[in-house]
Amino acid sequence: MQLVCPDCGAKNRVPDERLYAQPLCGKCKTQLMAAIPATLSEAALPGFVQGTELPVLVDFWATWCGPCQTMAPQFAEAARQATEIRFAKVDSDSAPQASARYAIRSIPTLVLFKHGREIARQSGAMAAAQILAWARRELALHP
């Protein structure tokens, strides 16, 4: 399984049987499968999405957005419960080109990627259970 480090962007090969044994990045020693959303910069987002073989769920948000702030702990809880999905957050204000590239029109917006391609998106704040149900349903529809 190939995983991209959320901190340094290095691509790491992790044997499937070691995927949930807290593997570390070979370059910077960051935990690759931390059960928390990774904070990604505009520059790091494309490489993370393209290079990570697991599905990636990205939350586009902003600090001034009330619904984004409400959903943040729910998104973090979903990340703790769904270790088969990599969770990431991108601040739309700090990443205007990424927001434009992915046509983010409202926030919060969740974009689900599989094999580097967008397979679904959902706008609006959701509870952790709703996030997980939506993501797992979409992943089942796009094997």
C-alpha atoms as a PDB file:
ATOM      1  CA  MET A   1       0.000   0.000   0.000  1.00  0.00           C
ATOM      2  CA  GLN A   2       1.359   3.422  -0.896  1.00  0.00           C
ATOM      3  CA  LEU A   3       0.759   6.270   1.546  1.00  0.00           C
ATOM      4  CA  VAL A   4       1.850   9.870   1.196  1.00  0.00           C
ATOM      5  CA  CYS A   5       3.166  11.575   4.299  1.00  0.00           C
ATOM      6  CA  PRO A   6       0.914  14.536   5.174  1.00  0.00           C
ATOM      7  CA  ASP A   7       3.879  16.474   6.582  1.00  0.00           C
ATOM      8  CA  CYS A   8       6.731  16.058   4.085  1.00  0.00           C
ATOM      9  CA  GLY A   9       4.928  14.608   1.053  1.00  0.00           C
ATOM     10  CA  ALA A  10       7.185  11.557   0.786  1.00  0.00           C
ATOM     11  CA  LYS A  11       5.675   8.448  -0.752  1.00  0.00           C
ATOM     12  CA  ASN A  12       5.921   5.440   1.549  1.00  0.00           C
ATOM     13  CA  ARG A  13       5.307   1.760   0.784  1.00  0.00           C
ATOM     14  CA  VAL A  14       3.642   0.030   3.709  1.00  0.00           C
ATOM     15  CA  PRO A  15       2.871  -3.706   3.650  1.00  0.00           C
ATOM     16  CA  ASP A  16      -0.879  -4.268   4.023  1.00  0.00           C
ATOM     17  CA  GLU A  17      -0.348  -6.316   7.184  1.00  0.00           C
ATOM     18  CA  ARG A  18       1.472  -3.335   8.807  1.00  0.00           C
ATOM     19  CA  LEU A  19      -1.021  -0.705   7.705  1.00  0.00           C
ATOM     20  CA  TYR A  20      -2.610  -0.391  11.145  1.00  0.00           C
ATOM     21  CA  ALA A  21       0.575  -0.905  13.171  1.00  0.00           C
ATOM     22  CA  GLN A  22       1.228   2.866  13.338  1.00  0.00           C
ATOM     23  CA  PRO A  23       3.667   3.046  10.393  1.00  0.00           C
ATOM     24  CA  LEU A  24       5.998   6.052  10.269  1.00  0.00           C
ATOM     25  CA  CYS A  25       7.208   8.056   7.291  1.00  0.00           C
ATOM     26  CA  GLY A  26      10.626   6.824   6.204  1.00  0.00           C
ATOM     27  CA  LYS A  27      11.768  10.409   5.662  1.00  0.00           C
ATOM     28  CA  CYS A  28      10.399  12.521   8.534  1.00  0.00           C
ATOM     29  CA  LYS A  29       9.038   9.869  10.959  1.00  0.00           C
ATOM     30  CA  THR A  30       5.498  11.337  10.990  1.00  0.00           C
ATOM     31  CA  GLN A  31       2.776   8.792  11.721  1.00  0.00           C
ATOM     32  CA  LEU A  32       1.214   7.847   8.373  1.00  0.00           C
ATOM     33  CA  MET A  33      -2.062   6.395   9.640  1.00  0.00           C
ATOM     34  CA  ALA A  34      -2.843   8.788  12.491  1.00  0.00           C
ATOM     35  CA  ALA A  35      -6.550   8.681  13.339  1.00  0.00           C
ATOM     36  CA  ILE A  36      -6.847  12.453  12.982  1.00  0.00           C
ATOM     37  CA  PRO A  37      -7.405  14.588   9.895  1.00  0.00           C
ATOM     38  CA  ALA A  38      -4.200  15.744   8.210  1.00  0.00           C
ATOM     39  CA  THR A  39      -3.898  19.490   7.646  1.00  0.00           C
ATOM     40  CA  LEU A  40      -2.795  19.966   4.045  1.00  0.00           C
ATOM     41  CA  SER A  41      -1.425  23.005   2.291  1.00  0.00           C
ATOM     42  CA  GLU A  42      -2.378  23.995  -1.209  1.00  0.00           C
ATOM     43  CA  ALA A  43       0.894  22.558  -2.506  1.00  0.00           C
ATOM     44  CA  ALA A  44       0.557  19.264  -0.606  1.00  0.00           C
ATOM     45  CA  LEU A  45      -3.047  18.470  -1.550  1.00  0.00           C
ATOM     46  CA  PRO A  46      -2.577  17.141  -5.124  1.00  0.00           C
ATOM     47  CA  GLY A  47       0.313  14.854  -4.192  1.00  0.00           C
ATOM     48  CA  PHE A  48      -1.518  13.523  -1.137  1.00  0.00           C
ATOM     49  CA  VAL A  49      -4.683  12.759  -3.123  1.00  0.00           C
ATOM     50  CA  GLN A  50      -2.844  11.272  -6.127  1.00  0.00           C
ATOM     51  CA  GLY A  51      -0.252   9.285  -4.211  1.00  0.00           C
ATOM     52  CA  THR A  52      -2.348   7.748  -1.425  1.00  0.00           C
ATOM     53  CA  GLU A  53      -3.846   4.405  -2.404  1.00  0.00           C
ATOM     54  CA  LEU A  54      -6.510   4.532   0.297  1.00  0.00           C
ATOM     55  CA  PRO A  55      -9.594   6.692  -0.289  1.00  0.00           C
ATOM     56  CA  VAL A  56      -9.064  10.316   0.778  1.00  0.00           C
ATOM     57  CA  LEU A  57     -11.834  12.497   2.218  1.00  0.00           C
ATOM     58  CA  VAL A  58     -11.001  16.209   2.154  1.00  0.00           C
ATOM     59  CA  ASP A  59     -12.861  18.854   4.158  1.00  0.00           C
ATOM     60  CA  PHE A  60     -12.620  22.301   2.537  1.00  0.00           C
ATOM     61  CA  TRP A  61     -13.301  24.788   5.330  1.00  0.00           C
ATOM     62  CA  ALA A  62     -12.458  28.278   6.668  1.00  0.00           C
ATOM     63  CA  THR A  63     -11.799  29.671  10.139  1.00  0.00           C
ATOM     64  CA  TRP A  64     -14.584  32.281   9.874  1.00  0.00           C
ATOM     65  CA  CYS A  65     -17.228  29.712   8.851  1.00  0.00           C
ATOM     66  CA  GLY A  66     -19.612  28.806  11.683  1.00  0.00           C
ATOM     67  CA  PRO A  67     -20.843  25.536  10.146  1.00  0.00           C
ATOM     68  CA  CYS A  68     -17.198  24.564   9.476  1.00  0.00           C
ATOM     69  CA  GLN A  69     -16.353  25.090  13.131  1.00  0.00           C
ATOM     70  CA  THR A  70     -19.410  23.073  14.155  1.00  0.00           C
ATOM     71  CA  MET A  71     -18.450  20.193  11.862  1.00  0.00           C
ATOM     72  CA  ALA A  72     -14.722  20.128  12.766  1.00  0.00           C
ATOM     73  CA  PRO A  73     -15.086  17.857  15.843  1.00  0.00           C
ATOM     74  CA  GLN A  74     -17.493  15.638  13.911  1.00  0.00           C
ATOM     75  CA  PHE A  75     -14.997  15.283  11.058  1.00  0.00           C
ATOM     76  CA  ALA A  76     -12.278  14.429  13.596  1.00  0.00           C
ATOM     77  CA  GLU A  77     -14.534  11.806  15.191  1.00  0.00           C
ATOM     78  CA  ALA A  78     -15.251  10.288  11.766  1.00  0.00           C
ATOM     79  CA  ALA A  79     -11.476  10.092  11.185  1.00  0.00           C
ATOM     80  CA  ARG A  80     -11.067   8.168  14.453  1.00  0.00           C
ATOM     81  CA  GLN A  81     -13.760   5.681  13.421  1.00  0.00           C
ATOM     82  CA  ALA A  82     -12.829   5.105   9.757  1.00  0.00           C
ATOM     83  CA  THR A  83      -9.189   4.135   9.558  1.00  0.00           C
ATOM     84  CA  GLU A  84      -9.764   2.715   6.058  1.00  0.00           C
ATOM     85  CA  ILE A  85     -10.130   6.310   4.781  1.00  0.00           C
ATOM     86  CA  ARG A  86      -7.497   9.051   5.009  1.00  0.00           C
ATOM     87  CA  PHE A  87      -9.040  12.302   6.261  1.00  0.00           C
ATOM     88  CA  ALA A  88      -7.610  15.716   5.394  1.00  0.00           C
ATOM     89  CA  LYS A  89      -8.521  19.351   5.901  1.00  0.00           C
ATOM     90  CA  VAL A  90      -7.764  22.259   3.575  1.00  0.00           C
ATOM     91  CA  ASP A  91      -8.327  25.859   4.656  1.00  0.00           C
ATOM     92  CA  SER A  92     -10.015  27.462   1.639  1.00  0.00           C
ATOM     93  CA  ASP A  93      -8.720  30.922   2.535  1.00  0.00           C
ATOM     94  CA  SER A  94      -5.121  29.676   2.665  1.00  0.00           C
ATOM     95  CA  ALA A  95      -5.567  27.572  -0.472  1.00  0.00           C
ATOM     96  CA  PRO A  96      -7.506  29.667  -3.009  1.00  0.00           C
ATOM     97  CA  GLN A  97      -6.016  27.882  -6.028  1.00  0.00           C
ATOM     98  CA  ALA A  98      -6.948  24.466  -4.633  1.00  0.00           C
ATOM     99  CA  SER A  99     -10.458  25.736  -3.941  1.00  0.00           C
ATOM    100  CA  ALA A 100     -10.684  26.960  -7.530  1.00  0.00           C
ATOM    101  CA  ARG A 101      -9.162  23.759  -8.965  1.00  0.00           C
ATOM    102  CA  TYR A 102     -11.757  21.637  -7.157  1.00  0.00           C
ATOM    103  CA  ALA A 103     -14.604  24.132  -7.821  1.00  0.00           C
ATOM    104  CA  ILE A 104     -15.421  24.711  -4.149  1.00  0.00           C
ATOM    105  CA  ARG A 105     -18.470  27.006  -4.155  1.00  0.00           C
ATOM    106  CA  SER A 106     -19.551  26.724  -0.536  1.00  0.00           C
ATOM    107  CA  ILE A 107     -18.043  25.544   2.700  1.00  0.00           C
ATOM    108  CA  PRO A 108     -17.859  23.206   4.382  1.00  0.00           C
ATOM    109  CA  THR A 109     -17.565  20.905   1.374  1.00  0.00           C
ATOM    110  CA  LEU A 110     -16.387  17.318   1.611  1.00  0.00           C
ATOM    111  CA  VAL A 111     -14.724  15.844  -1.475  1.00  0.00           C
ATOM    112  CA  LEU A 112     -14.113  12.101  -1.620  1.00  0.00           C
ATOM    113  CA  PHE A 113     -11.264  10.811  -3.787  1.00  0.00           C
ATOM    114  CA  LYS A 114     -10.477   7.250  -4.794  1.00  0.00           C
ATOM    115  CA  HIS A 115      -7.374   6.362  -6.835  1.00  0.00           C
ATOM    116  CA  GLY A 116      -6.692  10.091  -7.163  1.00  0.00           C
ATOM    117  CA  ARG A 117     -10.054  10.888  -8.768  1.00  0.00           C
ATOM    118  CA  GLU A 118     -13.026  12.668  -7.241  1.00  0.00           C
ATOM    119  CA  ILE A 119     -15.929  10.271  -6.839  1.00  0.00           C
ATOM    120  CA  ALA A 120     -18.321  12.332  -4.701  1.00  0.00           C
ATOM    121  CA  ARG A 121     -18.839  15.611  -2.910  1.00  0.00           C
ATOM    122  CA  GLN A 122     -21.195  16.910  -0.265  1.00  0.00           C
ATOM    123  CA  SER A 123     -21.679  20.456   1.022  1.00  0.00           C
ATOM    124  CA  GLY A 124     -22.950  21.442   4.436  1.00  0.00           C
ATOM    125  CA  ALA A 125     -22.176  20.451   7.997  1.00  0.00           C
ATOM    126  CA  MET A 126     -22.826  16.845   8.999  1.00  0.00           C
ATOM    127  CA  ALA A 127     -22.500  14.724  12.109  1.00  0.00           C
ATOM    128  CA  ALA A 128     -19.802  12.036  12.263  1.00  0.00           C
ATOM    129  CA  ALA A 129     -22.299   9.234  11.631  1.00  0.00           C
ATOM    130  CA  GLN A 130     -23.629  11.047   8.556  1.00  0.00           C
ATOM    131  CA  ILE A 131     -20.112  11.659   7.217  1.00  0.00           C
ATOM    132  CA  LEU A 132     -19.237   7.980   7.601  1.00  0.00           C
ATOM    133  CA  ALA A 133     -22.504   6.718   6.128  1.00  0.00           C
ATOM    134  CA  TRP A 134     -22.160   9.024   3.118  1.00  0.00           C
ATOM    135  CA  ALA A 135     -18.483   8.193   2.485  1.00  0.00           C
ATOM    136  CA  ARG A 136     -18.948   4.439   2.853  1.00  0.00           C
ATOM    137  CA  ARG A 137     -22.021   4.492   0.609  1.00  0.00           C
ATOM    138  CA  GLU A 138     -20.132   6.393  -2.097  1.00  0.00           C
ATOM    139  CA  LEU A 139     -17.122   4.078  -1.837  1.00  0.00           C
ATOM    140  CA  ALA A 140     -19.409   1.058  -2.236  1.00  0.00           C
ATOM    141  CA  LEU A 141     -20.892   2.636  -5.364  1.00  0.00           C
ATOM    142  CA  HIS A 142     -17.413   3.186  -6.850  1.00  0.00           C
ATOM    143  CA  PRO A 143     -15.463  -0.062  -6.277  1.00  0.00           C
END
